[in-house]
Amino acid sequence: MEHFTAEEVCGAYAPVGYVHSFDTLRLRPNGTYERSIYNRNRQRRLHTQGTWRLEKNHRLVFEHFYVNLDRDLSSNISESADEYMFINTYFETQQRAIQFCVGDHEGQNCYRKVQ
C-alpha cells in the first residue's frame, strides 16, 4: 500500500477516459474541495464544495460526494441526488501520477492528479 502526505495529494484532478462528461476537482490543504461537472456540450451541471480527509496516509474519505459515471447530463444535478454518497477509497500511483477511483470495480471511474 502506497503512502502519501496531504501536501502530495492536494491539487487538481480530472477524470480518466470520460467521454460524455467532464469533472474538475480541486482538493485543498484545509480539507475542503471544489468541484464542477460539465456535460458533453460544456454546460456546467454541478458546482459544489465539500470536505475530504486523508486517513492512514492513503485512504481518501468524502462525506457527501456525487459519483459521476460519465453520463451526458441534460439537466443540473440536485444536491439531494441519489448519486451523492459517502466515499471511502484510496490514493495510488498510476502512470507516474496520483489517482483515486470511485467506481464499483477496480480501475473504474478514476480521477488523476493533473497539477
Protein backbone atom coordinates (compact mmCIF):
# COMPACT_ATOMS: atom_id res chain seq x y z
CA MET A 1 0.00 0.00 0.00
CA GLU A 2 1.43 3.35 -1.04
CA HIS A 3 1.55 6.23 1.43
CA PHE A 4 1.11 9.92 0.67
CA THR A 5 1.17 13.19 2.57
CA ALA A 6 -1.72 15.64 2.44
CA GLU A 7 0.56 18.05 0.57
CA GLU A 8 1.20 15.44 -2.13
CA VAL A 9 -2.47 14.70 -2.77
CA CYS A 10 -3.72 18.29 -2.75
CA GLY A 11 -4.29 19.80 -6.18
CA ALA A 12 -6.44 19.47 -9.29
CA TYR A 13 -7.85 16.17 -10.56
CA ALA A 14 -9.60 15.19 -13.79
CA PRO A 15 -11.46 12.00 -14.72
CA VAL A 16 -9.61 9.36 -16.72
CA GLY A 17 -11.19 8.39 -20.03
CA TYR A 18 -14.54 10.15 -19.68
CA VAL A 19 -16.24 10.99 -23.00
CA HIS A 20 -19.79 12.08 -22.07
CA SER A 21 -19.00 14.49 -19.26
CA PHE A 22 -16.04 16.20 -17.61
CA ASP A 23 -15.18 16.89 -13.99
CA THR A 24 -12.89 19.43 -12.42
CA LEU A 25 -12.00 18.63 -8.83
CA ARG A 26 -9.60 20.52 -6.57
CA LEU A 27 -8.53 19.14 -3.17
CA ARG A 28 -7.39 21.97 -0.91
CA PRO A 29 -4.93 21.72 2.02
CA ASN A 30 -7.60 22.89 4.51
CA GLY A 31 -9.67 19.72 3.91
CA THR A 32 -12.19 21.23 1.51
CA TYR A 33 -12.78 20.53 -2.16
CA GLU A 34 -14.40 22.39 -5.01
CA ARG A 35 -15.88 20.58 -7.96
CA SER A 36 -17.69 21.29 -11.23
CA ILE A 37 -19.22 18.78 -13.64
CA TYR A 38 -19.89 19.66 -17.28
CA ASN A 39 -21.86 17.76 -19.89
CA ARG A 40 -20.73 16.95 -23.42
CA ASN A 41 -21.80 20.44 -24.59
CA ARG A 42 -19.58 22.06 -21.92
CA GLN A 43 -22.60 23.24 -19.91
CA ARG A 44 -21.92 23.18 -16.18
CA ARG A 45 -24.39 20.85 -14.46
CA LEU A 46 -22.97 20.88 -10.94
CA HIS A 47 -20.82 23.20 -8.87
CA THR A 48 -20.29 22.05 -5.32
CA GLN A 49 -17.96 22.27 -2.37
CA GLY A 50 -17.42 19.77 0.41
CA THR A 51 -14.88 18.23 2.72
CA TRP A 52 -12.33 15.49 2.32
CA ARG A 53 -9.77 13.87 4.59
CA LEU A 54 -6.72 11.66 4.30
CA GLU A 55 -6.60 8.68 6.68
CA LYS A 56 -3.59 6.43 7.33
CA ASN A 57 -1.64 8.25 4.58
CA HIS A 58 -3.51 6.53 1.75
CA ARG A 59 -7.26 6.45 2.40
CA LEU A 60 -9.43 9.23 0.91
CA VAL A 61 -12.78 9.96 2.53
CA PHE A 62 -15.54 12.21 1.14
CA GLU A 63 -18.64 12.64 3.30
CA HIS A 64 -21.02 13.76 0.53
CA PHE A 65 -19.66 13.21 -2.99
CA TYR A 66 -21.56 12.99 -6.28
CA VAL A 67 -20.47 9.88 -8.19
CA ASN A 68 -20.32 10.92 -11.84
CA LEU A 69 -20.49 7.80 -14.01
CA ASP A 70 -19.69 9.65 -17.26
CA ARG A 71 -23.31 10.20 -18.25
CA ASP A 72 -24.14 13.06 -20.64
CA LEU A 73 -26.10 15.19 -18.20
CA SER A 74 -29.02 17.03 -19.77
CA SER A 75 -30.02 18.96 -16.64
CA ASN A 76 -28.48 20.28 -13.45
CA ILE A 77 -27.73 17.83 -10.66
CA SER A 78 -29.74 18.17 -7.47
CA GLU A 79 -27.89 18.34 -4.14
CA SER A 80 -30.20 15.53 -2.99
CA ALA A 81 -29.50 13.22 -5.95
CA ASP A 82 -29.21 9.51 -5.18
CA GLU A 83 -25.69 9.52 -6.63
CA TYR A 84 -24.39 11.53 -3.65
CA MET A 85 -22.73 9.18 -1.23
CA PHE A 86 -20.09 8.56 1.38
CA ILE A 87 -16.91 7.62 -0.47
CA ASN A 88 -14.08 5.70 1.16
CA THR A 89 -11.34 4.94 -1.39
CA TYR A 90 -7.55 5.14 -1.61
CA PHE A 91 -4.84 7.01 -3.45
CA GLU A 92 -2.44 5.15 -5.72
CA THR A 93 0.14 5.97 -8.38
CA GLN A 94 -0.74 5.18 -11.99
CA GLN A 95 1.39 6.31 -14.94
CA ARG A 96 3.54 8.35 -12.51
CA ALA A 97 0.55 10.37 -11.28
CA ILE A 98 -1.51 10.17 -8.10
CA GLN A 99 -5.06 8.97 -8.67
CA PHE A 100 -8.11 7.58 -6.88
CA CYS A 101 -11.14 5.66 -8.15
CA VAL A 102 -14.77 5.81 -7.02
CA GLY A 103 -16.38 3.11 -9.18
CA ASP A 104 -17.78 -0.21 -8.03
CA HIS A 105 -14.95 -2.13 -9.72
CA GLU A 106 -11.18 -1.71 -9.60
CA GLY A 107 -9.95 0.88 -12.10
CA GLN A 108 -13.43 2.28 -12.72
CA ASN A 109 -14.32 5.99 -12.54
CA CYS A 110 -10.82 7.18 -11.69
CA TYR A 111 -9.54 10.72 -11.18
CA ARG A 112 -5.89 11.52 -11.90
CA LYS A 113 -3.96 14.45 -10.47
CA VAL A 114 -3.20 16.98 -13.21
CA GLN A 115 -1.47 19.68 -11.12
